[in-house]
Amino acid sequence: MEDTVIFYGQTYLARYRKKRSATAEVIQDLFNDHEYWWRAAIEREFQLDVVYQDEASGANNQPPGTVSEIVVYHMDRSFFVRVHQYVLPYGEVDQWGRPRLGGKRNEPDPKEIIFEDGIWYWLSELRNVPKGIRTRRQLGL
């Protein structure tokens, strides 16, 4: 089967062979088991692009001044993760120099991932391909 190319906006990010919806737990396990946050923030193994950033809503029970971000991790057009995270105010960092995060687990919350097996996993509750993601055909390329 031929790989399909995906883009975020106009940026060429990665290729995948299959699409599969998954639960939040499956995506979180893939993200955590392979230490993607560590590998991105500490080892600088991936390129990180903040594609959305705004002050967090007070309805999300985060301290005033917290920033809500969507961050895309990618590398060599063969790997891709999109996470949501709350960056706490005051510029605090943890013992490894990563920004202090809010949210339920104080870590990034992955929403989709193209894993090493070439399968694109996204949250089953989204029901459709996440907004912002487009294939080459959808972009008319």
N, C-alpha and C. Protein backbone atom coordinates (compact mmCIF):
# COMPACT_ATOMS: atom_id res chain seq x y z
N MET A 1 0.84 -1.18 0.00
CA MET A 1 0.00 0.00 0.00
C MET A 1 0.89 1.24 0.00
N GLU A 2 0.55 2.21 -0.81
CA GLU A 2 1.31 3.44 -0.90
C GLU A 2 1.04 4.32 0.31
N ASP A 3 2.09 4.99 0.79
CA ASP A 3 1.94 5.91 1.92
C ASP A 3 1.13 7.13 1.51
N THR A 4 0.43 7.72 2.46
CA THR A 4 -0.30 8.96 2.25
C THR A 4 0.42 10.05 3.04
N VAL A 5 0.58 11.20 2.43
CA VAL A 5 1.27 12.32 3.07
C VAL A 5 0.24 13.16 3.81
N ILE A 6 0.59 13.64 5.01
CA ILE A 6 -0.30 14.56 5.71
C ILE A 6 0.41 15.89 5.93
N PHE A 7 -0.40 16.92 6.07
CA PHE A 7 0.08 18.27 6.28
C PHE A 7 -0.63 18.84 7.50
N TYR A 8 -0.01 19.80 8.15
CA TYR A 8 -0.69 20.61 9.15
C TYR A 8 -0.63 22.02 8.60
N GLY A 9 -1.76 22.58 8.22
CA GLY A 9 -1.76 23.82 7.46
C GLY A 9 -1.11 23.52 6.12
N GLN A 10 -0.06 24.24 5.76
CA GLN A 10 0.67 23.98 4.52
C GLN A 10 1.99 23.25 4.78
N THR A 11 2.27 22.88 6.03
CA THR A 11 3.54 22.25 6.38
C THR A 11 3.45 20.74 6.20
N TYR A 12 4.34 20.22 5.39
CA TYR A 12 4.43 18.78 5.14
C TYR A 12 5.03 18.12 6.36
N LEU A 13 4.30 17.22 7.00
CA LEU A 13 4.76 16.65 8.25
C LEU A 13 5.18 15.20 8.18
N ALA A 14 4.35 14.35 7.66
CA ALA A 14 4.64 12.93 7.80
C ALA A 14 3.86 12.11 6.79
N ARG A 15 4.18 10.84 6.73
CA ARG A 15 3.47 9.87 5.90
C ARG A 15 2.86 8.82 6.81
N TYR A 16 1.75 8.27 6.36
CA TYR A 16 1.16 7.15 7.09
C TYR A 16 0.62 6.14 6.09
N ARG A 17 0.48 4.90 6.56
CA ARG A 17 -0.03 3.83 5.70
C ARG A 17 -1.48 3.49 5.99
N LYS A 18 -1.90 3.67 7.25
CA LYS A 18 -3.28 3.36 7.66
C LYS A 18 -3.73 4.41 8.66
N LYS A 19 -5.04 4.59 8.76
CA LYS A 19 -5.63 5.45 9.79
C LYS A 19 -6.39 4.55 10.76
N ARG A 20 -6.34 4.88 12.03
CA ARG A 20 -7.07 4.09 13.01
C ARG A 20 -7.48 5.00 14.17
N SER A 21 -8.78 5.01 14.49
CA SER A 21 -9.19 5.75 15.68
C SER A 21 -8.80 4.95 16.91
N ALA A 22 -8.56 5.66 18.00
CA ALA A 22 -8.11 5.01 19.23
C ALA A 22 -8.63 5.79 20.43
N THR A 23 -8.62 5.15 21.57
CA THR A 23 -9.04 5.83 22.80
C THR A 23 -7.91 6.74 23.27
N ALA A 24 -8.27 7.67 24.14
CA ALA A 24 -7.27 8.56 24.73
C ALA A 24 -6.21 7.76 25.47
N GLU A 25 -6.60 6.66 26.11
CA GLU A 25 -5.65 5.84 26.87
C GLU A 25 -4.63 5.19 25.95
N VAL A 26 -5.06 4.70 24.80
CA VAL A 26 -4.13 4.08 23.85
C VAL A 26 -3.11 5.10 23.36
N ILE A 27 -3.59 6.28 22.99
CA ILE A 27 -2.68 7.31 22.48
C ILE A 27 -1.75 7.78 23.59
N GLN A 28 -2.27 7.96 24.80
CA GLN A 28 -1.43 8.37 25.93
C GLN A 28 -0.38 7.32 26.22
N ASP A 29 -0.75 6.04 26.17
CA ASP A 29 0.21 4.96 26.41
C ASP A 29 1.31 4.96 25.36
N LEU A 30 0.96 5.11 24.08
CA LEU A 30 1.98 5.18 23.03
C LEU A 30 2.95 6.34 23.29
N PHE A 31 2.39 7.48 23.65
CA PHE A 31 3.18 8.69 23.91
C PHE A 31 4.10 8.49 25.11
N ASN A 32 3.55 7.98 26.21
CA ASN A 32 4.34 7.82 27.43
C ASN A 32 5.34 6.67 27.34
N ASP A 33 4.91 5.52 26.81
CA ASP A 33 5.78 4.35 26.76
C ASP A 33 7.04 4.61 25.94
N HIS A 34 6.94 5.51 24.98
CA HIS A 34 8.10 5.80 24.14
C HIS A 34 8.76 7.13 24.50
N GLU A 35 8.36 7.70 25.63
CA GLU A 35 8.99 8.89 26.22
C GLU A 35 9.12 10.05 25.25
N TYR A 36 8.07 10.31 24.48
CA TYR A 36 8.15 11.36 23.47
C TYR A 36 8.34 12.75 24.07
N TRP A 37 7.71 13.03 25.21
CA TRP A 37 7.90 14.35 25.82
C TRP A 37 9.35 14.53 26.21
N TRP A 38 9.93 13.54 26.85
CA TRP A 38 11.35 13.59 27.25
C TRP A 38 12.23 13.74 26.01
N ARG A 39 11.98 12.91 25.02
CA ARG A 39 12.81 12.92 23.82
C ARG A 39 12.70 14.24 23.06
N ALA A 40 11.54 14.88 23.12
CA ALA A 40 11.36 16.17 22.45
C ALA A 40 11.98 17.31 23.25
N ALA A 41 11.69 17.38 24.54
CA ALA A 41 12.09 18.52 25.36
C ALA A 41 13.55 18.44 25.83
N ILE A 42 14.04 17.26 26.11
CA ILE A 42 15.38 17.12 26.68
C ILE A 42 16.39 16.72 25.61
N GLU A 43 16.10 15.69 24.86
CA GLU A 43 17.05 15.21 23.87
C GLU A 43 16.95 15.95 22.54
N ARG A 44 15.90 16.78 22.39
CA ARG A 44 15.70 17.58 21.18
C ARG A 44 15.70 16.70 19.91
N GLU A 45 15.09 15.54 20.04
CA GLU A 45 15.04 14.58 18.95
C GLU A 45 14.06 14.99 17.85
N PHE A 46 13.05 15.79 18.21
CA PHE A 46 12.00 16.17 17.27
C PHE A 46 11.94 17.68 17.15
N GLN A 47 11.39 18.13 16.03
CA GLN A 47 11.08 19.54 15.88
C GLN A 47 9.72 19.78 16.54
N LEU A 48 9.59 20.86 17.29
CA LEU A 48 8.33 21.22 17.95
C LEU A 48 7.82 22.52 17.36
N ASP A 49 6.57 22.53 16.96
CA ASP A 49 5.93 23.74 16.45
C ASP A 49 4.67 24.00 17.25
N VAL A 50 4.58 25.18 17.86
CA VAL A 50 3.35 25.59 18.54
C VAL A 50 2.42 26.11 17.45
N VAL A 51 1.31 25.42 17.24
CA VAL A 51 0.39 25.79 16.16
C VAL A 51 -0.84 26.53 16.68
N TYR A 52 -1.00 26.58 17.99
CA TYR A 52 -2.10 27.33 18.61
C TYR A 52 -1.64 27.73 20.00
N GLN A 53 -1.94 28.96 20.39
CA GLN A 53 -1.58 29.43 21.72
C GLN A 53 -2.55 30.54 22.11
N ASP A 54 -3.15 30.40 23.30
CA ASP A 54 -4.07 31.42 23.79
C ASP A 54 -4.18 31.25 25.30
N GLU A 55 -4.65 32.27 25.96
CA GLU A 55 -4.85 32.17 27.40
C GLU A 55 -5.92 31.12 27.69
N ALA A 56 -5.64 30.27 28.68
CA ALA A 56 -6.58 29.20 29.04
C ALA A 56 -7.85 29.81 29.63
N SER A 57 -8.94 29.19 29.32
CA SER A 57 -10.23 29.61 29.85
C SER A 57 -10.29 29.33 31.35
N GLY A 58 -10.94 30.20 32.08
CA GLY A 58 -11.12 29.98 33.52
C GLY A 58 -11.94 28.74 33.81
N ALA A 59 -12.72 28.29 32.83
CA ALA A 59 -13.54 27.10 33.01
C ALA A 59 -12.70 25.82 33.12
N ASN A 60 -11.42 25.91 32.77
CA ASN A 60 -10.56 24.72 32.79
C ASN A 60 -9.81 24.54 34.10
N ASN A 61 -10.17 25.32 35.10
CA ASN A 61 -9.57 25.21 36.44
C ASN A 61 -8.05 25.32 36.44
N GLN A 62 -7.51 26.22 35.62
CA GLN A 62 -6.08 26.47 35.59
C GLN A 62 -5.83 27.84 36.24
N PRO A 63 -4.65 28.06 36.81
CA PRO A 63 -4.36 29.36 37.43
C PRO A 63 -4.42 30.49 36.40
N PRO A 64 -4.77 31.69 36.83
CA PRO A 64 -4.77 32.84 35.90
C PRO A 64 -3.39 32.98 35.25
N GLY A 65 -3.39 33.30 33.96
CA GLY A 65 -2.14 33.46 33.23
C GLY A 65 -1.65 32.19 32.56
N THR A 66 -2.34 31.07 32.78
CA THR A 66 -1.97 29.81 32.14
C THR A 66 -2.27 29.91 30.65
N VAL A 67 -1.39 29.33 29.83
CA VAL A 67 -1.53 29.37 28.38
C VAL A 67 -1.91 27.98 27.87
N SER A 68 -2.93 27.93 27.03
CA SER A 68 -3.34 26.71 26.36
C SER A 68 -2.62 26.63 25.02
N GLU A 69 -1.95 25.50 24.75
CA GLU A 69 -1.19 25.35 23.51
C GLU A 69 -1.52 24.04 22.81
N ILE A 70 -1.47 24.07 21.50
CA ILE A 70 -1.42 22.86 20.68
C ILE A 70 -0.02 22.83 20.08
N VAL A 71 0.69 21.73 20.31
CA VAL A 71 2.07 21.60 19.85
C VAL A 71 2.16 20.37 18.96
N VAL A 72 2.84 20.53 17.83
CA VAL A 72 3.09 19.43 16.91
C VAL A 72 4.55 19.02 17.03
N TYR A 73 4.80 17.73 17.26
CA TYR A 73 6.14 17.16 17.26
C TYR A 73 6.30 16.47 15.91
N HIS A 74 7.41 16.70 15.23
CA HIS A 74 7.63 15.97 13.98
C HIS A 74 9.12 15.83 13.72
N MET A 75 9.45 14.86 12.83
CA MET A 75 10.84 14.56 12.53
C MET A 75 10.91 13.86 11.18
N ASP A 76 11.72 14.39 10.30
CA ASP A 76 12.03 13.73 9.03
C ASP A 76 10.82 13.19 8.28
N ARG A 77 9.70 13.84 8.42
CA ARG A 77 8.48 13.44 7.70
C ARG A 77 8.10 11.97 7.92
N SER A 78 8.53 11.44 9.04
CA SER A 78 8.20 10.04 9.31
C SER A 78 7.55 9.85 10.67
N PHE A 79 7.40 10.92 11.42
CA PHE A 79 6.86 10.83 12.76
C PHE A 79 6.07 12.09 13.05
N PHE A 80 4.98 11.96 13.77
CA PHE A 80 4.13 13.12 14.02
C PHE A 80 3.30 12.86 15.28
N VAL A 81 3.26 13.84 16.18
CA VAL A 81 2.38 13.80 17.34
C VAL A 81 1.79 15.20 17.50
N ARG A 82 0.50 15.28 17.82
CA ARG A 82 -0.13 16.55 18.17
C ARG A 82 -0.61 16.44 19.59
N VAL A 83 -0.18 17.39 20.44
CA VAL A 83 -0.58 17.38 21.85
C VAL A 83 -1.23 18.70 22.23
N HIS A 84 -2.04 18.64 23.28
CA HIS A 84 -2.53 19.85 23.92
C HIS A 84 -1.84 19.93 25.27
N GLN A 85 -1.48 21.13 25.68
CA GLN A 85 -0.88 21.29 27.01
C GLN A 85 -1.22 22.66 27.57
N TYR A 86 -1.24 22.72 28.90
CA TYR A 86 -1.41 23.98 29.62
C TYR A 86 -0.06 24.36 30.19
N VAL A 87 0.49 25.49 29.74
CA VAL A 87 1.77 25.97 30.27
C VAL A 87 1.44 26.93 31.41
N LEU A 88 1.91 26.58 32.61
CA LEU A 88 1.62 27.39 33.79
C LEU A 88 2.38 28.71 33.73
N PRO A 89 1.83 29.74 34.40
CA PRO A 89 2.47 31.06 34.36
C PRO A 89 3.78 31.09 35.15
N TYR A 90 4.48 32.18 35.04
CA TYR A 90 5.70 32.47 35.80
C TYR A 90 6.94 31.79 35.25
N GLY A 91 6.85 31.09 34.12
CA GLY A 91 8.04 30.54 33.49
C GLY A 91 8.76 29.46 34.28
N GLU A 92 8.08 28.81 35.19
CA GLU A 92 8.72 27.75 35.98
C GLU A 92 9.05 26.55 35.11
N VAL A 93 10.12 25.85 35.46
CA VAL A 93 10.52 24.64 34.77
C VAL A 93 10.71 23.52 35.78
N ASP A 94 10.65 22.28 35.30
CA ASP A 94 10.90 21.15 36.19
C ASP A 94 12.40 20.89 36.29
N GLN A 95 12.80 19.84 36.99
CA GLN A 95 14.22 19.58 37.23
C GLN A 95 15.00 19.29 35.95
N TRP A 96 14.31 19.01 34.84
CA TRP A 96 14.98 18.74 33.57
C TRP A 96 14.92 19.93 32.61
N GLY A 97 14.33 21.04 33.07
CA GLY A 97 14.25 22.23 32.24
C GLY A 97 13.02 22.32 31.36
N ARG A 98 12.09 21.38 31.50
CA ARG A 98 10.84 21.43 30.74
C ARG A 98 9.90 22.42 31.42
N PRO A 99 9.04 23.12 30.66
CA PRO A 99 8.11 24.04 31.31
C PRO A 99 7.14 23.29 32.22
N ARG A 100 6.79 23.91 33.33
CA ARG A 100 5.79 23.32 34.23
C ARG A 100 4.44 23.37 33.53
N LEU A 101 3.77 22.22 33.51
CA LEU A 101 2.48 22.13 32.84
C LEU A 101 1.37 21.91 33.85
N GLY A 102 0.18 22.39 33.49
CA GLY A 102 -1.01 22.16 34.29
C GLY A 102 -1.77 20.98 33.72
N GLY A 103 -3.06 20.98 33.92
CA GLY A 103 -3.90 19.89 33.45
C GLY A 103 -3.97 18.78 34.50
N LYS A 104 -4.67 17.72 34.15
CA LYS A 104 -4.89 16.63 35.11
C LYS A 104 -3.61 15.90 35.50
N ARG A 105 -2.70 15.71 34.54
CA ARG A 105 -1.49 14.92 34.82
C ARG A 105 -0.22 15.75 34.81
N ASN A 106 -0.33 17.04 34.59
CA ASN A 106 0.83 17.93 34.51
C ASN A 106 1.82 17.49 33.44
N GLU A 107 1.27 17.05 32.30
CA GLU A 107 2.09 16.65 31.17
C GLU A 107 1.28 16.85 29.89
N PRO A 108 1.93 16.80 28.72
CA PRO A 108 1.17 16.98 27.48
C PRO A 108 0.10 15.90 27.33
N ASP A 109 -0.99 16.28 26.68
CA ASP A 109 -2.11 15.38 26.42
C ASP A 109 -2.15 15.10 24.91
N PRO A 110 -1.60 13.97 24.45
CA PRO A 110 -1.57 13.71 23.02
C PRO A 110 -2.97 13.46 22.46
N LYS A 111 -3.21 14.01 21.28
CA LYS A 111 -4.51 13.88 20.62
C LYS A 111 -4.44 12.97 19.41
N GLU A 112 -3.26 12.87 18.80
CA GLU A 112 -3.07 11.99 17.65
C GLU A 112 -1.59 11.71 17.49
N ILE A 113 -1.29 10.60 16.82
CA ILE A 113 0.09 10.20 16.65
C ILE A 113 0.23 9.33 15.41
N ILE A 114 1.28 9.57 14.65
CA ILE A 114 1.68 8.59 13.63
C ILE A 114 2.82 7.84 14.26
N PHE A 115 2.56 6.60 14.58
CA PHE A 115 3.51 5.78 15.32
C PHE A 115 4.50 5.13 14.37
N GLU A 116 5.56 4.55 14.94
CA GLU A 116 6.61 3.93 14.13
C GLU A 116 6.09 2.86 13.18
N ASP A 117 4.93 2.29 13.46
CA ASP A 117 4.38 1.26 12.58
C ASP A 117 3.69 1.86 11.35
N GLY A 118 3.72 3.20 11.21
CA GLY A 118 3.11 3.85 10.06
C GLY A 118 1.61 4.01 10.17
N ILE A 119 1.05 3.74 11.34
CA ILE A 119 -0.39 3.90 11.54
C ILE A 119 -0.66 5.24 12.21
N TRP A 120 -1.63 5.96 11.66
CA TRP A 120 -2.03 7.26 12.22
C TRP A 120 -3.18 7.01 13.18
N TYR A 121 -2.93 7.19 14.47
CA TYR A 121 -3.95 7.03 15.50
C TYR A 121 -4.49 8.40 15.88
N TRP A 122 -5.81 8.55 15.95
CA TRP A 122 -6.40 9.78 16.49
C TRP A 122 -7.54 9.40 17.40
N LEU A 123 -7.92 10.34 18.25
CA LEU A 123 -8.93 10.07 19.27
C LEU A 123 -10.26 9.65 18.66
N SER A 124 -10.76 8.52 19.11
CA SER A 124 -12.02 8.01 18.55
C SER A 124 -13.18 8.95 18.82
N GLU A 125 -13.13 9.71 19.91
CA GLU A 125 -14.25 10.62 20.19
C GLU A 125 -14.28 11.80 19.23
N LEU A 126 -13.21 12.03 18.46
CA LEU A 126 -13.24 13.10 17.47
C LEU A 126 -14.06 12.70 16.25
N ARG A 127 -14.21 11.40 16.04
CA ARG A 127 -15.03 10.80 14.98
C ARG A 127 -14.52 11.05 13.56
N ASN A 128 -13.89 12.16 13.31
CA ASN A 128 -13.37 12.47 11.97
C ASN A 128 -11.89 12.83 12.10
N VAL A 129 -11.25 12.97 10.97
CA VAL A 129 -9.86 13.40 10.96
C VAL A 129 -9.78 14.77 11.63
N PRO A 130 -8.83 14.97 12.54
CA PRO A 130 -8.74 16.24 13.26
C PRO A 130 -8.62 17.46 12.34
N LYS A 131 -9.20 18.57 12.79
CA LYS A 131 -9.13 19.81 12.02
C LYS A 131 -7.67 20.24 11.87
N GLY A 132 -7.37 20.84 10.73
CA GLY A 132 -6.01 21.31 10.46
C GLY A 132 -5.19 20.28 9.71
N ILE A 133 -5.57 19.01 9.78
CA ILE A 133 -4.83 17.95 9.10
C ILE A 133 -5.43 17.75 7.72
N ARG A 134 -4.60 17.73 6.72
CA ARG A 134 -5.05 17.56 5.36
C ARG A 134 -4.08 16.65 4.61
N THR A 135 -4.61 15.88 3.69
CA THR A 135 -3.76 15.07 2.83
C THR A 135 -3.36 15.91 1.62
N ARG A 136 -2.39 15.39 0.87
CA ARG A 136 -1.93 16.08 -0.34
C ARG A 136 -3.11 16.31 -1.30
N ARG A 137 -3.98 15.31 -1.45
CA ARG A 137 -5.13 15.43 -2.35
C ARG A 137 -6.06 16.55 -1.89
N GLN A 138 -6.32 16.66 -0.59
CA GLN A 138 -7.21 17.70 -0.09
C GLN A 138 -6.65 19.08 -0.32
N LEU A 139 -5.31 19.20 -0.38
CA LEU A 139 -4.69 20.50 -0.63
C LEU A 139 -4.54 20.78 -2.12
N GLY A 140 -4.91 19.81 -2.95
CA GLY A 140 -4.81 19.99 -4.39
C GLY A 140 -3.38 19.92 -4.90
N LEU A 141 -2.53 19.17 -4.20
CA LEU A 141 -1.12 19.05 -4.61
C LEU A 141 -0.85 17.76 -5.34
